[in-house]
C-alpha atoms as a PDB file:
ATOM      1  CA  MET A   1     141.779 163.108  92.066  1.00  0.00           C
ATOM      2  CA  GLY A   2     139.539 160.512  90.472  1.00  0.00           C
ATOM      3  CA  ILE A   3     139.616 157.047  88.963  1.00  0.00           C
ATOM      4  CA  ARG A   4     143.300 157.199  88.097  1.00  0.00           C
ATOM      5  CA  THR A   5     144.170 158.203  91.664  1.00  0.00           C
ATOM      6  CA  ILE A   6     142.511 155.070  93.027  1.00  0.00           C
ATOM      7  CA  GLU A   7     144.019 152.803  90.389  1.00  0.00           C
ATOM      8  CA  ASN A   8     147.518 154.172  90.932  1.00  0.00           C
ATOM      9  CA  ARG A   9     147.256 153.851  94.696  1.00  0.00           C
ATOM     10  CA  ILE A  10     146.058 150.256  94.481  1.00  0.00           C
ATOM     11  CA  SER A  11     148.705 149.361  91.910  1.00  0.00           C
ATOM     12  CA  ASP A  12     151.464 150.756  94.117  1.00  0.00           C
ATOM     13  CA  ILE A  13     150.301 148.828  97.193  1.00  0.00           C
ATOM     14  CA  LEU A  14     149.676 145.502  95.473  1.00  0.00           C
ATOM     15  CA  GLY A  15     152.923 145.930  93.571  1.00  0.00           C
ATOM     16  CA  GLU A  16     154.721 145.814  96.919  1.00  0.00           C
ATOM     17  CA  ASN A  17     152.963 142.508  97.717  1.00  0.00           C
ATOM     18  CA  LYS A  18     150.837 144.217 100.350  1.00  0.00           C
ATOM     19  CA  LYS A  19     147.101 144.002 100.934  1.00  0.00           C
ATOM     20  CA  LEU A  20     144.553 146.812 100.805  1.00  0.00           C
ATOM     21  CA  PHE A  21     143.140 148.140 104.066  1.00  0.00           C
ATOM     22  CA  ILE A  22     140.198 150.494 103.583  1.00  0.00           C
ATOM     23  CA  PRO A  23     138.833 152.031 106.794  1.00  0.00           C
ATOM     24  CA  TYR A  24     135.326 153.488 106.898  1.00  0.00           C
ATOM     25  CA  ILE A  25     134.385 156.476 109.039  1.00  0.00           C
ATOM     26  CA  MET A  26     131.179 158.462 109.480  1.00  0.00           C
ATOM     27  CA  CYS A  27     131.851 162.091 108.657  1.00  0.00           C
ATOM     28  CA  GLY A  28     130.846 164.492 111.408  1.00  0.00           C
ATOM     29  CA  ASP A  29     130.497 161.888 114.149  1.00  0.00           C
ATOM     30  CA  GLY A  30     131.829 163.849 117.104  1.00  0.00           C
ATOM     31  CA  GLY A  31     132.131 166.985 114.993  1.00  0.00           C
ATOM     32  CA  PHE A  32     134.346 167.970 112.097  1.00  0.00           C
ATOM     33  CA  ASP A  33     137.407 168.539 114.296  1.00  0.00           C
ATOM     34  CA  LYS A  34     137.165 164.914 115.422  1.00  0.00           C
ATOM     35  CA  THR A  35     136.681 163.714 111.846  1.00  0.00           C
ATOM     36  CA  LYS A  36     139.742 165.666 110.712  1.00  0.00           C
ATOM     37  CA  LYS A  37     141.806 164.041 113.460  1.00  0.00           C
ATOM     38  CA  VAL A  38     140.641 160.566 112.477  1.00  0.00           C
ATOM     39  CA  ILE A  39     141.269 161.137 108.763  1.00  0.00           C
ATOM     40  CA  GLN A  40     144.792 162.359 109.449  1.00  0.00           C
ATOM     41  CA  LEU A  41     145.443 159.364 111.701  1.00  0.00           C
ATOM     42  CA  LEU A  42     144.273 156.976 108.981  1.00  0.00           C
ATOM     43  CA  GLU A  43     146.341 158.703 106.307  1.00  0.00           C
ATOM     44  CA  ASN A  44     149.469 158.623 108.448  1.00  0.00           C
ATOM     45  CA  SER A  45     148.902 155.022 109.541  1.00  0.00           C
ATOM     46  CA  GLY A  46     148.896 153.569 106.031  1.00  0.00           C
ATOM     47  CA  ALA A  47     145.268 153.478 104.915  1.00  0.00           C
ATOM     48  CA  SER A  48     145.037 152.362 101.289  1.00  0.00           C
ATOM     49  CA  ILE A  49     141.872 154.371 100.654  1.00  0.00           C
ATOM     50  CA  ILE A  50     139.499 156.033 103.119  1.00  0.00           C
ATOM     51  CA  GLU A  51     135.757 155.439 102.789  1.00  0.00           C
ATOM     52  CA  ILE A  52     133.766 158.322 104.247  1.00  0.00           C
ATOM     53  CA  GLY A  53     130.078 157.996 105.059  1.00  0.00           C
ATOM     54  CA  ILE A  54     127.486 160.712 104.578  1.00  0.00           C
ATOM     55  CA  PRO A  55     124.944 160.622 107.456  1.00  0.00           C
ATOM     56  CA  PHE A  56     121.424 159.681 106.391  1.00  0.00           C
ATOM     57  CA  SER A  57     118.190 159.215 108.315  1.00  0.00           C
ATOM     58  CA  ASP A  58     117.280 155.807 106.838  1.00  0.00           C
ATOM     59  CA  PRO A  59     120.553 153.863 106.354  1.00  0.00           C
ATOM     60  CA  ILE A  60     119.169 150.480 105.296  1.00  0.00           C
ATOM     61  CA  ALA A  61     122.581 148.842 104.752  1.00  0.00           C
ATOM     62  CA  ASP A  62     124.078 149.925 108.065  1.00  0.00           C
ATOM     63  CA  GLY A  63     124.171 148.061 111.340  1.00  0.00           C
ATOM     64  CA  PRO A  64     123.770 149.544 114.825  1.00  0.00           C
ATOM     65  CA  SER A  65     127.237 151.123 115.137  1.00  0.00           C
ATOM     66  CA  ILE A  66     127.112 153.047 111.868  1.00  0.00           C
ATOM     67  CA  GLN A  67     123.424 153.904 112.310  1.00  0.00           C
ATOM     68  CA  SER A  68     124.245 155.427 115.697  1.00  0.00           C
ATOM     69  CA  ALA A  69     127.237 157.301 114.272  1.00  0.00           C
ATOM     70  CA  GLY A  70     125.079 158.689 111.484  1.00  0.00           C
ATOM     71  CA  GLN A  71     122.408 159.796 113.917  1.00  0.00           C
ATOM     72  CA  ARG A  72     124.996 161.533 116.100  1.00  0.00           C
ATOM     73  CA  ALA A  73     126.257 163.358 113.013  1.00  0.00           C
ATOM     74  CA  LEU A  74     122.722 164.325 111.954  1.00  0.00           C
ATOM     75  CA  ASP A  75     121.972 165.551 115.470  1.00  0.00           C
ATOM     76  CA  GLY A  76     125.078 167.720 115.153  1.00  0.00           C
ATOM     77  CA  GLY A  77     123.681 169.334 112.007  1.00  0.00           C
ATOM     78  CA  ILE A  78     125.881 167.500 109.509  1.00  0.00           C
ATOM     79  CA  THR A  79     124.572 167.461 105.924  1.00  0.00           C
ATOM     80  CA  LEU A  80     125.871 166.253 102.579  1.00  0.00           C
ATOM     81  CA  GLN A  81     126.896 169.763 101.544  1.00  0.00           C
ATOM     82  CA  LYS A  82     128.566 170.517 104.868  1.00  0.00           C
ATOM     83  CA  THR A  83     130.449 167.205 104.671  1.00  0.00           C
ATOM     84  CA  LEU A  84     131.836 167.819 101.200  1.00  0.00           C
ATOM     85  CA  THR A  85     132.658 171.457 101.948  1.00  0.00           C
ATOM     86  CA  PHE A  86     134.561 170.275 105.030  1.00  0.00           C
ATOM     87  CA  LEU A  87     136.470 167.651 103.027  1.00  0.00           C
ATOM     88  CA  LYS A  88     137.316 170.303 100.459  1.00  0.00           C
ATOM     89  CA  SER A  89     139.152 172.187 103.214  1.00  0.00           C
ATOM     90  CA  ILE A  90     141.482 169.271 104.025  1.00  0.00           C
ATOM     91  CA  PRO A  91     143.163 167.898 100.891  1.00  0.00           C
ATOM     92  CA  PRO A  92     144.311 164.264 101.082  1.00  0.00           C
ATOM     93  CA  ASN A  93     147.769 163.525 102.439  1.00  0.00           C
ATOM     94  CA  ASN A  94     150.209 160.720 101.578  1.00  0.00           C
ATOM     95  CA  ASP A  95     148.415 160.003  98.276  1.00  0.00           C
ATOM     96  CA  VAL A  96     145.492 158.365 100.100  1.00  0.00           C
ATOM     97  CA  PRO A  97     142.351 158.608  97.920  1.00  0.00           C
ATOM     98  CA  ARG A  98     138.941 159.199  99.459  1.00  0.00           C
ATOM     99  CA  ILE A  99     135.665 157.616  98.434  1.00  0.00           C
ATOM    100  CA  ILE A 100     132.207 158.676  99.567  1.00  0.00           C
ATOM    101  CA  MET A 101     129.449 156.309 100.662  1.00  0.00           C
ATOM    102  CA  SER A 102     126.067 158.006 100.344  1.00  0.00           C
ATOM    103  CA  TYR A 103     122.517 156.816  99.966  1.00  0.00           C
ATOM    104  CA  LEU A 104     120.701 157.959  96.865  1.00  0.00           C
ATOM    105  CA  ASN A 105     118.131 160.316  98.379  1.00  0.00           C
ATOM    106  CA  PRO A 106     120.524 163.052  99.569  1.00  0.00           C
ATOM    107  CA  ILE A 107     122.201 163.029  96.141  1.00  0.00           C
ATOM    108  CA  VAL A 108     118.883 163.372  94.311  1.00  0.00           C
ATOM    109  CA  GLN A 109     117.831 166.186  96.634  1.00  0.00           C
ATOM    110  CA  TYR A 110     121.103 168.016  96.081  1.00  0.00           C
ATOM    111  CA  GLY A 111     121.042 167.513  92.309  1.00  0.00           C
ATOM    112  CA  PHE A 112     123.346 165.262  90.293  1.00  0.00           C
ATOM    113  CA  GLU A 113     125.251 167.999  88.475  1.00  0.00           C
ATOM    114  CA  ALA A 114     125.897 170.021  91.621  1.00  0.00           C
ATOM    115  CA  PHE A 115     126.763 166.897  93.637  1.00  0.00           C
ATOM    116  CA  PHE A 116     129.349 165.518  91.234  1.00  0.00           C
ATOM    117  CA  SER A 117     130.877 168.944  90.705  1.00  0.00           C
ATOM    118  CA  LEU A 118     131.257 169.317  94.467  1.00  0.00           C
ATOM    119  CA  LEU A 119     132.705 165.785  94.728  1.00  0.00           C
ATOM    120  CA  ARG A 120     135.527 166.738  92.413  1.00  0.00           C
ATOM    121  CA  GLU A 121     136.145 170.038  94.207  1.00  0.00           C
ATOM    122  CA  SER A 122     136.226 168.155  97.512  1.00  0.00           C
ATOM    123  CA  HIS A 123     139.066 165.788  96.505  1.00  0.00           C
ATOM    124  CA  ILE A 124     136.774 162.746  96.226  1.00  0.00           C
ATOM    125  CA  SER A 125     137.905 159.987  93.870  1.00  0.00           C
ATOM    126  CA  GLY A 126     135.109 157.428  94.132  1.00  0.00           C
ATOM    127  CA  LEU A 127     131.490 156.851  95.093  1.00  0.00           C
ATOM    128  CA  ILE A 128     129.437 154.039  96.632  1.00  0.00           C
ATOM    129  CA  ILE A 129     125.613 154.266  96.584  1.00  0.00           C
ATOM    130  CA  PRO A 130     124.401 151.119  98.396  1.00  0.00           C
ATOM    131  CA  ASP A 131     120.702 151.555  97.586  1.00  0.00           C
ATOM    132  CA  LEU A 132     121.124 152.269  93.864  1.00  0.00           C
ATOM    133  CA  PRO A 133     120.044 149.157  91.870  1.00  0.00           C
ATOM    134  CA  LEU A 134     122.116 148.071  88.902  1.00  0.00           C
ATOM    135  CA  GLU A 135     119.181 148.847  86.613  1.00  0.00           C
ATOM    136  CA  GLU A 136     119.243 152.524  87.669  1.00  0.00           C
ATOM    137  CA  TYR A 137     122.945 153.247  87.237  1.00  0.00           C
ATOM    138  CA  ASN A 138     122.309 155.033  83.953  1.00  0.00           C
ATOM    139  CA  MET A 139     121.066 158.029  85.953  1.00  0.00           C
ATOM    140  CA  ILE A 140     124.569 158.692  87.318  1.00  0.00           C
ATOM    141  CA  LEU A 141     126.930 157.333  84.645  1.00  0.00           C
ATOM    142  CA  PRO A 142     126.994 160.541  82.582  1.00  0.00           C
ATOM    143  CA  TYR A 143     128.202 162.410  85.674  1.00  0.00           C
ATOM    144  CA  THR A 144     130.739 159.827  86.803  1.00  0.00           C
ATOM    145  CA  ASP A 145     132.201 159.924  83.297  1.00  0.00           C
ATOM    146  CA  GLN A 146     132.161 163.713  83.068  1.00  0.00           C
ATOM    147  CA  TYR A 147     133.804 164.275  86.437  1.00  0.00           C
ATOM    148  CA  GLY A 148     136.074 161.225  86.470  1.00  0.00           C
ATOM    149  CA  ILE A 149     134.592 159.740  89.638  1.00  0.00           C
ATOM    150  CA  ALA A 150     135.042 155.988  90.148  1.00  0.00           C
ATOM    151  CA  ILE A 151     131.770 154.185  90.724  1.00  0.00           C
ATOM    152  CA  ILE A 152     132.060 151.200  93.065  1.00  0.00           C
ATOM    153  CA  PRO A 153     128.938 148.990  93.183  1.00  0.00           C
ATOM    154  CA  LEU A 154     128.521 146.327  95.854  1.00  0.00           C
ATOM    155  CA  ILE A 155     128.423 142.619  95.011  1.00  0.00           C
ATOM    156  CA  ALA A 156     126.211 140.721  97.451  1.00  0.00           C
ATOM    157  CA  PRO A 157     126.628 137.054  98.428  1.00  0.00           C
ATOM    158  CA  SER A 158     123.404 136.287  96.549  1.00  0.00           C
ATOM    159  CA  THR A 159     124.456 137.979  93.289  1.00  0.00           C
ATOM    160  CA  GLY A 160     124.383 135.519  90.385  1.00  0.00           C
ATOM    161  CA  LEU A 161     127.180 135.214  87.845  1.00  0.00           C
ATOM    162  CA  ASP A 162     125.314 136.985  85.035  1.00  0.00           C
ATOM    163  CA  ARG A 163     124.399 139.919  87.238  1.00  0.00           C
ATOM    164  CA  MET A 164     127.910 139.974  88.672  1.00  0.00           C
ATOM    165  CA  ALA A 165     129.322 140.276  85.157  1.00  0.00           C
ATOM    166  CA  ASN A 166     127.119 143.322  84.509  1.00  0.00           C
ATOM    167  CA  ILE A 167     128.152 144.892  87.818  1.00  0.00           C
ATOM    168  CA  LEU A 168     131.815 144.341  87.045  1.00  0.00           C
ATOM    169  CA  LYS A 169     131.424 146.218  83.751  1.00  0.00           C
ATOM    170  CA  LEU A 170     130.507 149.334  85.754  1.00  0.00           C
ATOM    171  CA  THR A 171     133.111 148.935  88.475  1.00  0.00           C
ATOM    172  CA  HIS A 172     136.233 151.079  88.715  1.00  0.00           C
ATOM    173  CA  GLY A 173     139.270 150.654  90.953  1.00  0.00           C
ATOM    174  CA  PHE A 174     138.309 147.629  93.006  1.00  0.00           C
ATOM    175  CA  VAL A 175     135.498 145.145  93.477  1.00  0.00           C
ATOM    176  CA  TYR A 176     133.602 145.552  96.760  1.00  0.00           C
ATOM    177  CA  ALA A 177     132.428 142.098  97.811  1.00  0.00           C
ATOM    178  CA  ILE A 178     129.903 142.008 100.659  1.00  0.00           C
ATOM    179  CA  THR A 179     130.516 139.057 102.979  1.00  0.00           C
ATOM    180  CA  VAL A 180     127.053 138.852 104.574  1.00  0.00           C
ATOM    181  CA  ASN A 181     123.413 139.002 103.456  1.00  0.00           C
ATOM    182  CA  ASN A 182     122.715 141.597 106.087  1.00  0.00           C
ATOM    183  CA  THR A 183     123.713 145.012 107.367  1.00  0.00           C
ATOM    184  CA  THR A 184     127.164 146.140 108.457  1.00  0.00           C
ATOM    185  CA  GLY A 185     128.473 145.219 111.897  1.00  0.00           C
ATOM    186  CA  GLY A 186     130.814 142.695 113.472  1.00  0.00           C
ATOM    187  CA  ARG A 187     130.350 138.929 113.044  1.00  0.00           C
ATOM    188  CA  SER A 188     131.853 136.174 115.160  1.00  0.00           C
ATOM    189  CA  GLU A 189     133.121 134.168 112.197  1.00  0.00           C
ATOM    190  CA  PHE A 190     132.915 133.682 108.432  1.00  0.00           C
ATOM    191  CA  SER A 191     131.930 130.388 106.845  1.00  0.00           C
ATOM    192  CA  ASP A 192     133.709 128.455 104.125  1.00  0.00           C
ATOM    193  CA  GLU A 193     130.885 129.610 101.855  1.00  0.00           C
ATOM    194  CA  VAL A 194     132.028 133.217 102.284  1.00  0.00           C
ATOM    195  CA  LEU A 195     135.639 132.338 101.572  1.00  0.00           C
ATOM    196  CA  ASN A 196     134.696 130.303  98.504  1.00  0.00           C
ATOM    197  CA  ARG A 197     132.566 133.195  97.321  1.00  0.00           C
ATOM    198  CA  LEU A 198     135.587 135.511  97.435  1.00  0.00           C
ATOM    199  CA  LYS A 199     137.559 132.987  95.393  1.00  0.00           C
ATOM    200  CA  LEU A 200     134.746 132.826  92.840  1.00  0.00           C
ATOM    201  CA  ILE A 201     134.614 136.604  92.449  1.00  0.00           C
ATOM    202  CA  LYS A 202     138.385 136.755  91.978  1.00  0.00           C
ATOM    203  CA  GLU A 203     138.126 134.099  89.276  1.00  0.00           C
ATOM    204  CA  ASN A 204     135.682 136.311  87.366  1.00  0.00           C
ATOM    205  CA  THR A 205     137.597 139.597  87.325  1.00  0.00           C
ATOM    206  CA  THR A 206     141.084 140.983  86.861  1.00  0.00           C
ATOM    207  CA  MET A 207     140.330 143.840  89.268  1.00  0.00           C
ATOM    208  CA  PRO A 208     141.383 143.685  92.915  1.00  0.00           C
ATOM    209  CA  VAL A 209     138.692 142.218  95.164  1.00  0.00           C
ATOM    210  CA  VAL A 210     138.078 143.697  98.608  1.00  0.00           C
ATOM    211  CA  ALA A 211     135.847 142.118 101.271  1.00  0.00           C
ATOM    212  CA  GLY A 212     133.592 144.264 103.416  1.00  0.00           C
ATOM    213  CA  PHE A 213     130.786 144.141 106.031  1.00  0.00           C
ATOM    214  CA  GLY A 214     131.094 142.361 109.359  1.00  0.00           C
ATOM    215  CA  ILE A 215     134.888 142.456 109.696  1.00  0.00           C
ATOM    216  CA  SER A 216     135.957 143.483 113.171  1.00  0.00           C
ATOM    217  CA  THR A 217     138.934 141.477 114.453  1.00  0.00           C
ATOM    218  CA  ILE A 218     142.575 141.045 113.508  1.00  0.00           C
ATOM    219  CA  GLU A 219     141.958 137.335 112.937  1.00  0.00           C
ATOM    220  CA  GLN A 220     139.091 138.054 110.516  1.00  0.00           C
ATOM    221  CA  ILE A 221     141.154 140.643 108.665  1.00  0.00           C
ATOM    222  CA  LYS A 222     143.958 138.146 108.174  1.00  0.00           C
ATOM    223  CA  THR A 223     141.648 135.284 107.179  1.00  0.00           C
ATOM    224  CA  LEU A 224     139.589 137.224 104.645  1.00  0.00           C
ATOM    225  CA  GLY A 225     142.658 139.051 103.398  1.00  0.00           C
ATOM    226  CA  SER A 226     144.243 135.738 102.460  1.00  0.00           C
ATOM    227  CA  TYR A 227     141.354 135.009 100.074  1.00  0.00           C
ATOM    228  CA  CYS A 228     141.233 138.390  98.348  1.00  0.00           C
ATOM    229  CA  ASP A 229     143.201 141.623  97.920  1.00  0.00           C
ATOM    230  CA  GLY A 230     142.137 143.404 101.085  1.00  0.00           C
ATOM    231  CA  VAL A 231     139.346 144.412 103.427  1.00  0.00           C
ATOM    232  CA  VAL A 232     137.049 147.260 104.382  1.00  0.00           C
ATOM    233  CA  VAL A 233     136.605 147.713 108.134  1.00  0.00           C
ATOM    234  CA  GLY A 234     133.796 150.036 109.182  1.00  0.00           C
ATOM    235  CA  SER A 235     131.750 149.474 112.322  1.00  0.00           C
ATOM    236  CA  LYS A 236     134.731 148.522 114.458  1.00  0.00           C
ATOM    237  CA  ILE A 237     136.670 151.629 113.437  1.00  0.00           C
ATOM    238  CA  VAL A 238     133.604 153.821 113.980  1.00  0.00           C
ATOM    239  CA  ASP A 239     133.252 152.434 117.516  1.00  0.00           C
ATOM    240  CA  LEU A 240     136.957 152.814 118.311  1.00  0.00           C
ATOM    241  CA  ALA A 241     137.051 156.366 116.945  1.00  0.00           C
ATOM    242  CA  LYS A 242     134.021 157.315 119.035  1.00  0.00           C
ATOM    243  CA  ASP A 243     135.888 156.237 122.163  1.00  0.00           C
ATOM    244  CA  ASP A 244     139.208 157.803 121.058  1.00  0.00           C
ATOM    245  CA  LYS A 245     140.884 154.383 120.954  1.00  0.00           C
ATOM    246  CA  PHE A 246     143.276 155.380 118.213  1.00  0.00           C
ATOM    247  CA  ASP A 247     145.953 152.859 119.204  1.00  0.00           C
ATOM    248  CA  GLU A 248     143.436 150.072 118.624  1.00  0.00           C
ATOM    249  CA  ILE A 249     142.657 151.440 115.167  1.00  0.00           C
ATOM    250  CA  GLU A 250     146.345 151.374 114.267  1.00  0.00           C
ATOM    251  CA  LYS A 251     146.612 147.754 115.442  1.00  0.00           C
ATOM    252  CA  LEU A 252     143.787 146.748 113.114  1.00  0.00           C
ATOM    253  CA  MET A 253     145.437 148.545 110.219  1.00  0.00           C
ATOM    254  CA  LYS A 254     148.675 146.654 110.779  1.00  0.00           C
ATOM    255  CA  ALA A 255     146.951 143.265 110.657  1.00  0.00           C
ATOM    256  CA  LEU A 256     147.577 142.972 106.919  1.00  0.00           C
END
């Protein structure tokens, strides 16, 4: 597992003229048995990559759905170590890489060396840390290099071209373009400004560009997907998984 796993998976999908669909789930929401069921569903339904959230008490980038999912997981006793140990017990199927989304504090508390070592043991190929500023990435780069973990920074709508260029230098696998200056959660529509922003990012990189945050309908998936290489869908999938609406999840995944 690692950077090459993500790159190979993306290359295979785009090489078939398909788009990337990256579902997000909160690990431990409903218990580990439920999470295992959801992961297996996503793997068998054609997920390009699966983004797995680590529950955290102060999730500043998350909207109501993911905040609630994280709190349910925390109330169930889910921790970073328990999450990764659980994922270690269920190796990926169908060549679907897994990436972790974790806030910085749990990683610091666990210790960088121990955390990245456990990431590799737990079949994790990539990492997103939404509250880690670009200026502080040096604290983790030695470990991402040592353990071959792809680092995937977020590019916000307000990110200038110079800063974007510096972010892109650190990025592995795919570019994660945020569509809103806000937290996660469904939006009713996306403006031309958002679509033009995706075009601009694509013009400034040779890496695949994936849009995330606020995407919740089949129409939005198709619209945004036509301006970039794929989408991340989080809050909607978290809500559907909570209510065991697995057929609805599969419909979303077939939109691209």
